PDB file of N, CA and C in Angstrom:
ATOM      1  N   MET A   1      29.015  92.712 205.848  1.00  0.00           N
ATOM      2  CA  MET A   1      30.045  92.641 204.842  1.00  0.00           C
ATOM      3  C   MET A   1      30.877  93.929 204.910  1.00  0.00           C
ATOM      4  N   SER A   2      32.185  93.789 204.813  1.00  0.00           N
ATOM      5  CA  SER A   2      33.059  94.962 204.855  1.00  0.00           C
ATOM      6  C   SER A   2      32.910  95.761 203.561  1.00  0.00           C
ATOM      7  N   LYS A   3      33.254  97.032 203.620  1.00  0.00           N
ATOM      8  CA  LYS A   3      33.222  97.862 202.420  1.00  0.00           C
ATOM      9  C   LYS A   3      34.224  97.342 201.391  1.00  0.00           C
ATOM     10  N   THR A   4      35.362  96.857 201.853  1.00  0.00           N
ATOM     11  CA  THR A   4      36.374  96.320 200.945  1.00  0.00           C
ATOM     12  C   THR A   4      35.785  95.178 200.118  1.00  0.00           C
ATOM     13  N   THR A   5      35.120  94.251 200.773  1.00  0.00           N
ATOM     14  CA  THR A   5      34.503  93.119 200.081  1.00  0.00           C
ATOM     15  C   THR A   5      33.408  93.595 199.143  1.00  0.00           C
ATOM     16  N   GLU A   6      32.625  94.549 199.586  1.00  0.00           N
ATOM     17  CA  GLU A   6      31.547  95.102 198.767  1.00  0.00           C
ATOM     18  C   GLU A   6      32.121  95.748 197.493  1.00  0.00           C
ATOM     19  N   ILE A   7      33.196  96.501 197.647  1.00  0.00           N
ATOM     20  CA  ILE A   7      33.851  97.134 196.493  1.00  0.00           C
ATOM     21  C   ILE A   7      34.359  96.063 195.536  1.00  0.00           C
ATOM     22  N   GLU A   8      35.063  95.068 196.060  1.00  0.00           N
ATOM     23  CA  GLU A   8      35.598  93.988 195.229  1.00  0.00           C
ATOM     24  C   GLU A   8      34.501  93.299 194.436  1.00  0.00           C
ATOM     25  N   GLU A   9      33.433  92.938 195.091  1.00  0.00           N
ATOM     26  CA  GLU A   9      32.340  92.213 194.430  1.00  0.00           C
ATOM     27  C   GLU A   9      31.716  93.035 193.313  1.00  0.00           C
ATOM     28  N   LYS A  10      31.485  94.312 193.570  1.00  0.00           N
ATOM     29  CA  LYS A  10      30.861  95.170 192.559  1.00  0.00           C
ATOM     30  C   LYS A  10      31.794  95.381 191.366  1.00  0.00           C
ATOM     31  N   LEU A  11      33.083  95.545 191.626  1.00  0.00           N
ATOM     32  CA  LEU A  11      34.035  95.772 190.533  1.00  0.00           C
ATOM     33  C   LEU A  11      34.248  94.512 189.703  1.00  0.00           C
ATOM     34  N   ILE A  12      34.277  93.367 190.339  1.00  0.00           N
ATOM     35  CA  ILE A  12      34.396  92.102 189.605  1.00  0.00           C
ATOM     36  C   ILE A  12      33.174  91.908 188.720  1.00  0.00           C
ATOM     37  N   SER A  13      32.010  92.168 189.254  1.00  0.00           N
ATOM     38  CA  SER A  13      30.769  92.002 188.505  1.00  0.00           C
ATOM     39  C   SER A  13      30.707  92.943 187.297  1.00  0.00           C
ATOM     40  N   ALA A  14      31.141  94.167 187.479  1.00  0.00           N
ATOM     41  CA  ALA A  14      31.021  95.170 186.419  1.00  0.00           C
ATOM     42  C   ALA A  14      32.103  95.078 185.351  1.00  0.00           C
ATOM     43  N   PHE A  15      33.324  94.672 185.741  1.00  0.00           N
ATOM     44  CA  PHE A  15      34.455  94.795 184.823  1.00  0.00           C
ATOM     45  C   PHE A  15      35.175  93.484 184.486  1.00  0.00           C
ATOM     46  N   SER A  16      34.841  92.398 185.133  1.00  0.00           N
ATOM     47  CA  SER A  16      35.538  91.120 184.907  1.00  0.00           C
ATOM     48  C   SER A  16      37.043  91.353 184.745  1.00  0.00           C
ATOM     49  N   PRO A  17      37.661  91.957 185.739  1.00  0.00           N
ATOM     50  CA  PRO A  17      39.059  92.383 185.576  1.00  0.00           C
ATOM     51  C   PRO A  17      40.059  91.225 185.529  1.00  0.00           C
ATOM     52  N   ARG A  18      41.134  91.456 184.757  1.00  0.00           N
ATOM     53  CA  ARG A  18      42.272  90.534 184.762  1.00  0.00           C
ATOM     54  C   ARG A  18      43.083  90.738 186.034  1.00  0.00           C
ATOM     55  N   GLU A  19      43.048  91.971 186.512  1.00  0.00           N
ATOM     56  CA  GLU A  19      43.766  92.321 187.739  1.00  0.00           C
ATOM     57  C   GLU A  19      42.878  93.240 188.556  1.00  0.00           C
ATOM     58  N   LEU A  20      42.815  92.982 189.844  1.00  0.00           N
ATOM     59  CA  LEU A  20      42.045  93.837 190.745  1.00  0.00           C
ATOM     60  C   LEU A  20      42.751  93.898 192.088  1.00  0.00           C
ATOM     61  N   LEU A  21      42.969  95.109 192.548  1.00  0.00           N
ATOM     62  CA  LEU A  21      43.500  95.347 193.885  1.00  0.00           C
ATOM     63  C   LEU A  21      42.610  96.393 194.530  1.00  0.00           C
ATOM     64  N   VAL A  22      42.098  96.090 195.697  1.00  0.00           N
ATOM     65  CA  VAL A  22      41.345  97.062 196.483  1.00  0.00           C
ATOM     66  C   VAL A  22      42.081  97.188 197.801  1.00  0.00           C
ATOM     67  N   ARG A  23      42.656  98.366 198.022  1.00  0.00           N
ATOM     68  CA  ARG A  23      43.480  98.580 199.212  1.00  0.00           C
ATOM     69  C   ARG A  23      42.840  99.656 200.091  1.00  0.00           C
ATOM     70  N   ASP A  24      42.670  99.336 201.364  1.00  0.00           N
ATOM     71  CA  ASP A  24      42.163 100.289 202.341  1.00  0.00           C
ATOM     72  C   ASP A  24      43.346 101.149 202.787  1.00  0.00           C
ATOM     73  N   ASP A  25      43.373 102.385 202.345  1.00  0.00           N
ATOM     74  CA  ASP A  25      44.454 103.323 202.675  1.00  0.00           C
ATOM     75  C   ASP A  25      44.097 104.239 203.837  1.00  0.00           C
ATOM     76  N   SER A  26      43.069 103.920 204.562  1.00  0.00           N
ATOM     77  CA  SER A  26      42.563 104.810 205.606  1.00  0.00           C
ATOM     78  C   SER A  26      43.618 105.188 206.634  1.00  0.00           C
ATOM     79  N   GLU A  27      44.414 104.239 207.053  1.00  0.00           N
ATOM     80  CA  GLU A  27      45.404 104.517 208.105  1.00  0.00           C
ATOM     81  C   GLU A  27      46.418 105.569 207.659  1.00  0.00           C
ATOM     82  N   ARG A  28      46.692 105.628 206.375  1.00  0.00           N
ATOM     83  CA  ARG A  28      47.616 106.631 205.853  1.00  0.00           C
ATOM     84  C   ARG A  28      47.021 108.039 205.948  1.00  0.00           C
ATOM     85  N   HIS A  29      45.726 108.137 206.221  1.00  0.00           N
ATOM     86  CA  HIS A  29      45.033 109.423 206.274  1.00  0.00           C
ATOM     87  C   HIS A  29      44.588 109.783 207.691  1.00  0.00           C
ATOM     88  N   ARG A  30      45.150 109.099 208.667  1.00  0.00           N
ATOM     89  CA  ARG A  30      44.821 109.397 210.070  1.00  0.00           C
ATOM     90  C   ARG A  30      45.067 110.881 210.337  1.00  0.00           C
ATOM     91  N   GLY A  31      44.086 111.533 210.920  1.00  0.00           N
ATOM     92  CA  GLY A  31      44.191 112.950 211.229  1.00  0.00           C
ATOM     93  C   GLY A  31      43.694 113.862 210.108  1.00  0.00           C
ATOM     94  N   HIS A  32      43.407 113.293 208.939  1.00  0.00           N
ATOM     95  CA  HIS A  32      42.889 114.088 207.828  1.00  0.00           C
ATOM     96  C   HIS A  32      41.363 114.054 207.836  1.00  0.00           C
ATOM     97  N   ALA A  33      40.794 114.934 207.052  1.00  0.00           N
ATOM     98  CA  ALA A  33      39.337 114.985 206.929  1.00  0.00           C
ATOM     99  C   ALA A  33      38.803 113.650 206.437  1.00  0.00           C
ATOM    100  N   GLY A  34      37.713 113.228 207.018  1.00  0.00           N
ATOM    101  CA  GLY A  34      37.051 112.013 206.571  1.00  0.00           C
ATOM    102  C   GLY A  34      37.577 110.731 207.183  1.00  0.00           C
ATOM    103  N   TYR A  35      38.700 110.803 207.919  1.00  0.00           N
ATOM    104  CA  TYR A  35      39.246 109.591 208.536  1.00  0.00           C
ATOM    105  C   TYR A  35      38.263 109.061 209.570  1.00  0.00           C
ATOM    106  N   GLN A  36      38.090 107.738 209.575  1.00  0.00           N
ATOM    107  CA  GLN A  36      37.230 107.092 210.561  1.00  0.00           C
ATOM    108  C   GLN A  36      38.049 106.060 211.319  1.00  0.00           C
ATOM    109  N   GLU A  37      37.930 106.043 212.608  1.00  0.00           N
ATOM    110  CA  GLU A  37      38.600 105.017 213.408  1.00  0.00           C
ATOM    111  C   GLU A  37      38.121 103.654 212.927  1.00  0.00           C
ATOM    112  N   GLY A  38      39.047 102.755 212.702  1.00  0.00           N
ATOM    113  CA  GLY A  38      38.696 101.429 212.210  1.00  0.00           C
ATOM    114  C   GLY A  38      38.830 101.298 210.705  1.00  0.00           C
ATOM    115  N   GLY A  39      39.124 102.409 210.030  1.00  0.00           N
ATOM    116  CA  GLY A  39      39.374 102.352 208.590  1.00  0.00           C
ATOM    117  C   GLY A  39      38.128 102.373 207.747  1.00  0.00           C
ATOM    118  N   GLU A  40      38.281 101.886 206.526  1.00  0.00           N
ATOM    119  CA  GLU A  40      37.217 101.807 205.529  1.00  0.00           C
ATOM    120  C   GLU A  40      36.651 103.183 205.147  1.00  0.00           C
ATOM    121  N   SER A  41      37.550 104.182 205.075  1.00  0.00           N
ATOM    122  CA  SER A  41      37.121 105.510 204.636  1.00  0.00           C
ATOM    123  C   SER A  41      37.863 105.964 203.383  1.00  0.00           C
ATOM    124  N   HIS A  42      39.096 105.512 203.202  1.00  0.00           N
ATOM    125  CA  HIS A  42      39.944 105.903 202.070  1.00  0.00           C
ATOM    126  C   HIS A  42      40.414 104.638 201.351  1.00  0.00           C
ATOM    127  N   TYR A  43      40.208 104.599 200.034  1.00  0.00           N
ATOM    128  CA  TYR A  43      40.570 103.406 199.261  1.00  0.00           C
ATOM    129  C   TYR A  43      41.384 103.765 198.029  1.00  0.00           C
ATOM    130  N   HIS A  44      42.173 102.790 197.599  1.00  0.00           N
ATOM    131  CA  HIS A  44      42.868 102.853 196.317  1.00  0.00           C
ATOM    132  C   HIS A  44      42.528 101.571 195.572  1.00  0.00           C
ATOM    133  N   VAL A  45      42.123 101.707 194.304  1.00  0.00           N
ATOM    134  CA  VAL A  45      41.826 100.524 193.497  1.00  0.00           C
ATOM    135  C   VAL A  45      42.680 100.518 192.237  1.00  0.00           C
ATOM    136  N   VAL A  46      43.116  99.325 191.874  1.00  0.00           N
ATOM    137  CA  VAL A  46      43.815  99.089 190.621  1.00  0.00           C
ATOM    138  C   VAL A  46      42.967  98.092 189.856  1.00  0.00           C
ATOM    139  N   ILE A  47      42.602  98.451 188.635  1.00  0.00           N
ATOM    140  CA  ILE A  47      41.789  97.566 187.801  1.00  0.00           C
ATOM    141  C   ILE A  47      42.399  97.508 186.409  1.00  0.00           C
ATOM    142  N   ARG A  48      42.546  96.300 185.905  1.00  0.00           N
ATOM    143  CA  ARG A  48      42.947  96.074 184.516  1.00  0.00           C
ATOM    144  C   ARG A  48      41.810  95.297 183.864  1.00  0.00           C
ATOM    145  N   SER A  49      41.159  95.937 182.894  1.00  0.00           N
ATOM    146  CA  SER A  49      39.991  95.323 182.266  1.00  0.00           C
ATOM    147  C   SER A  49      39.846  95.789 180.826  1.00  0.00           C
ATOM    148  N   ASP A  50      39.439  94.888 179.956  1.00  0.00           N
ATOM    149  CA  ASP A  50      39.181  95.236 178.562  1.00  0.00           C
ATOM    150  C   ASP A  50      38.018  96.216 178.422  1.00  0.00           C
ATOM    151  N   VAL A  51      37.172  96.300 179.422  1.00  0.00           N
ATOM    152  CA  VAL A  51      36.034  97.219 179.392  1.00  0.00           C
ATOM    153  C   VAL A  51      36.519  98.665 179.205  1.00  0.00           C
ATOM    154  N   PHE A  52      37.726  98.963 179.670  1.00  0.00           N
ATOM    155  CA  PHE A  52      38.251 100.329 179.608  1.00  0.00           C
ATOM    156  C   PHE A  52      38.877 100.684 178.262  1.00  0.00           C
ATOM    157  N   LYS A  53      38.928  99.735 177.350  1.00  0.00           N
ATOM    158  CA  LYS A  53      39.658  99.902 176.089  1.00  0.00           C
ATOM    159  C   LYS A  53      39.328 101.202 175.352  1.00  0.00           C
ATOM    160  N   ASP A  54      38.075 101.492 175.157  1.00  0.00           N
ATOM    161  CA  ASP A  54      37.674 102.667 174.378  1.00  0.00           C
ATOM    162  C   ASP A  54      37.214 103.847 175.241  1.00  0.00           C
ATOM    163  N   LEU A  55      37.550 103.819 176.518  1.00  0.00           N
ATOM    164  CA  LEU A  55      37.131 104.889 177.429  1.00  0.00           C
ATOM    165  C   LEU A  55      38.317 105.760 177.825  1.00  0.00           C
ATOM    166  N   ASN A  56      38.116 107.072 177.824  1.00  0.00           N
ATOM    167  CA  ASN A  56      39.165 107.962 178.331  1.00  0.00           C
ATOM    168  C   ASN A  56      39.167 107.918 179.867  1.00  0.00           C
ATOM    169  N   ARG A  57      40.108 108.623 180.456  1.00  0.00           N
ATOM    170  CA  ARG A  57      40.280 108.573 181.919  1.00  0.00           C
ATOM    171  C   ARG A  57      39.011 108.974 182.669  1.00  0.00           C
ATOM    172  N   ILE A  58      38.374 110.043 182.243  1.00  0.00           N
ATOM    173  CA  ILE A  58      37.159 110.522 182.920  1.00  0.00           C
ATOM    174  C   ILE A  58      36.045 109.480 182.827  1.00  0.00           C
ATOM    175  N   LYS A  59      35.852 108.893 181.654  1.00  0.00           N
ATOM    176  CA  LYS A  59      34.801 107.886 181.481  1.00  0.00           C
ATOM    177  C   LYS A  59      35.099 106.628 182.282  1.00  0.00           C
ATOM    178  N   ARG A  60      36.360 106.278 182.427  1.00  0.00           N
ATOM    179  CA  ARG A  60      36.736 105.127 183.260  1.00  0.00           C
ATOM    180  C   ARG A  60      36.371 105.389 184.719  1.00  0.00           C
ATOM    181  N   HIS A  61      36.703 106.571 185.207  1.00  0.00           N
ATOM    182  CA  HIS A  61      36.389 106.912 186.596  1.00  0.00           C
ATOM    183  C   HIS A  61      34.877 106.923 186.819  1.00  0.00           C
ATOM    184  N   ARG A  62      34.157 107.487 185.882  1.00  0.00           N
ATOM    185  CA  ARG A  62      32.685 107.511 185.994  1.00  0.00           C
ATOM    186  C   ARG A  62      32.109 106.097 185.993  1.00  0.00           C
ATOM    187  N   ALA A  63      32.689 105.222 185.170  1.00  0.00           N
ATOM    188  CA  ALA A  63      32.214 103.834 185.117  1.00  0.00           C
ATOM    189  C   ALA A  63      32.410 103.145 186.469  1.00  0.00           C
ATOM    190  N   VAL A  64      33.531 103.405 187.122  1.00  0.00           N
ATOM    191  CA  VAL A  64      33.775 102.811 188.445  1.00  0.00           C
ATOM    192  C   VAL A  64      32.783 103.372 189.456  1.00  0.00           C
ATOM    193  N   HIS A  65      32.585 104.681 189.461  1.00  0.00           N
ATOM    194  CA  HIS A  65      31.616 105.288 190.387  1.00  0.00           C
ATOM    195  C   HIS A  65      30.221 104.696 190.162  1.00  0.00           C
ATOM    196  N   ASP A  66      29.825 104.551 188.900  1.00  0.00           N
ATOM    197  CA  ASP A  66      28.513 103.972 188.587  1.00  0.00           C
ATOM    198  C   ASP A  66      28.423 102.524 189.068  1.00  0.00           C
ATOM    199  N   ALA A  67      29.492 101.761 188.881  1.00  0.00           N
ATOM    200  CA  ALA A  67      29.489 100.355 189.298  1.00  0.00           C
ATOM    201  C   ALA A  67      29.364 100.233 190.814  1.00  0.00           C
ATOM    202  N   LEU A  68      29.996 101.131 191.534  1.00  0.00           N
ATOM    203  CA  LEU A  68      29.927 101.078 192.997  1.00  0.00           C
ATOM    204  C   LEU A  68      28.583 101.583 193.512  1.00  0.00           C
ATOM    205  N   GLY A  69      27.977 102.513 192.801  1.00  0.00           N
ATOM    206  CA  GLY A  69      26.663 103.023 193.182  1.00  0.00           C
ATOM    207  C   GLY A  69      26.726 104.157 194.185  1.00  0.00           C
ATOM    208  N   LYS A  70      25.670 104.942 194.202  1.00  0.00           N
ATOM    209  CA  LYS A  70      25.608 106.128 195.066  1.00  0.00           C
ATOM    210  C   LYS A  70      25.686 105.782 196.542  1.00  0.00           C
ATOM    211  N   ASP A  71      25.032 104.697 196.944  1.00  0.00           N
ATOM    212  CA  ASP A  71      25.030 104.332 198.362  1.00  0.00           C
ATOM    213  C   ASP A  71      26.440 104.049 198.861  1.00  0.00           C
ATOM    214  N   LEU A  72      27.151 103.183 198.164  1.00  0.00           N
ATOM    215  CA  LEU A  72      28.506 102.830 198.589  1.00  0.00           C
ATOM    216  C   LEU A  72      29.444 104.024 198.458  1.00  0.00           C
ATOM    217  N   MET A  73      29.356 104.766 197.356  1.00  0.00           N
ATOM    218  CA  MET A  73      30.207 105.945 197.192  1.00  0.00           C
ATOM    219  C   MET A  73      29.948 106.960 198.304  1.00  0.00           C
ATOM    220  N   GLY A  74      28.720 107.027 198.782  1.00  0.00           N
ATOM    221  CA  GLY A  74      28.386 107.945 199.867  1.00  0.00           C
ATOM    222  C   GLY A  74      28.980 107.530 201.209  1.00  0.00           C
ATOM    223  N   ARG A  75      29.407 106.279 201.313  1.00  0.00           N
ATOM    224  CA  ARG A  75      29.999 105.785 202.566  1.00  0.00           C
ATOM    225  C   ARG A  75      31.524 105.751 202.516  1.00  0.00           C
ATOM    226  N   ILE A  76      32.094 106.192 201.405  1.00  0.00           N
ATOM    227  CA  ILE A  76      33.549 106.242 201.247  1.00  0.00           C
ATOM    228  C   ILE A  76      33.965 107.713 201.167  1.00  0.00           C
ATOM    229  N   HIS A  77      34.970 108.088 201.930  1.00  0.00           N
ATOM    230  CA  HIS A  77      35.423 109.480 201.887  1.00  0.00           C
ATOM    231  C   HIS A  77      36.275 109.764 200.652  1.00  0.00           C
ATOM    232  N   ALA A  78      37.191 108.847 200.308  1.00  0.00           N
ATOM    233  CA  ALA A  78      38.100 109.088 199.191  1.00  0.00           C
ATOM    234  C   ALA A  78      38.376 107.789 198.448  1.00  0.00           C
ATOM    235  N   LEU A  79      38.453 107.903 197.119  1.00  0.00           N
ATOM    236  CA  LEU A  79      38.736 106.742 196.276  1.00  0.00           C
ATOM    237  C   LEU A  79      39.717 107.180 195.192  1.00  0.00           C
ATOM    238  N   SER A  80      40.932 106.661 195.248  1.00  0.00           N
ATOM    239  CA  SER A  80      41.895 106.908 194.169  1.00  0.00           C
ATOM    240  C   SER A  80      41.916 105.685 193.274  1.00  0.00           C
ATOM    241  N   MET A  81      42.174 105.912 191.982  1.00  0.00           N
ATOM    242  CA  MET A  81      42.047 104.825 191.018  1.00  0.00           C
ATOM    243  C   MET A  81      43.210 104.796 190.032  1.00  0.00           C
ATOM    244  N   ASP A  82      43.622 103.583 189.700  1.00  0.00           N
ATOM    245  CA  ASP A  82      44.586 103.304 188.636  1.00  0.00           C
ATOM    246  C   ASP A  82      43.865 102.342 187.704  1.00  0.00           C
ATOM    247  N   LEU A  83      43.369 102.851 186.588  1.00  0.00           N
ATOM    248  CA  LEU A  83      42.501 102.091 185.689  1.00  0.00           C
ATOM    249  C   LEU A  83      43.154 101.986 184.320  1.00  0.00           C
ATOM    250  N   ASP A  84      43.276 100.762 183.816  1.00  0.00           N
ATOM    251  CA  ASP A  84      43.897 100.571 182.500  1.00  0.00           C
ATOM    252  C   ASP A  84      43.369  99.293 181.862  1.00  0.00           C
ATOM    253  N   VAL A  85      43.715  99.120 180.606  1.00  0.00           N
ATOM    254  CA  VAL A  85      43.312  97.939 179.840  1.00  0.00           C
ATOM    255  C   VAL A  85      44.182  96.766 180.231  1.00  0.00           C
TER     256      VAL A  85
END
């Protein structure tokens, strides 16, 4: 299973989002630290979920990291997030 699919599945399970975008931005980071040939090293996610309603920005980011888990987070070099209700 690709990391993209793994990320999508975990985020859907944790947040039941109204909107979800998981974009592999690895190619935009070619030549930078952490870049891996073939991609799947740098990601951007957009999530719209009611789960974030009472959470500040830091707690939202922590919730995403927790949902993805240490193993998956350890296999991703960079993750940027746009998280809102």
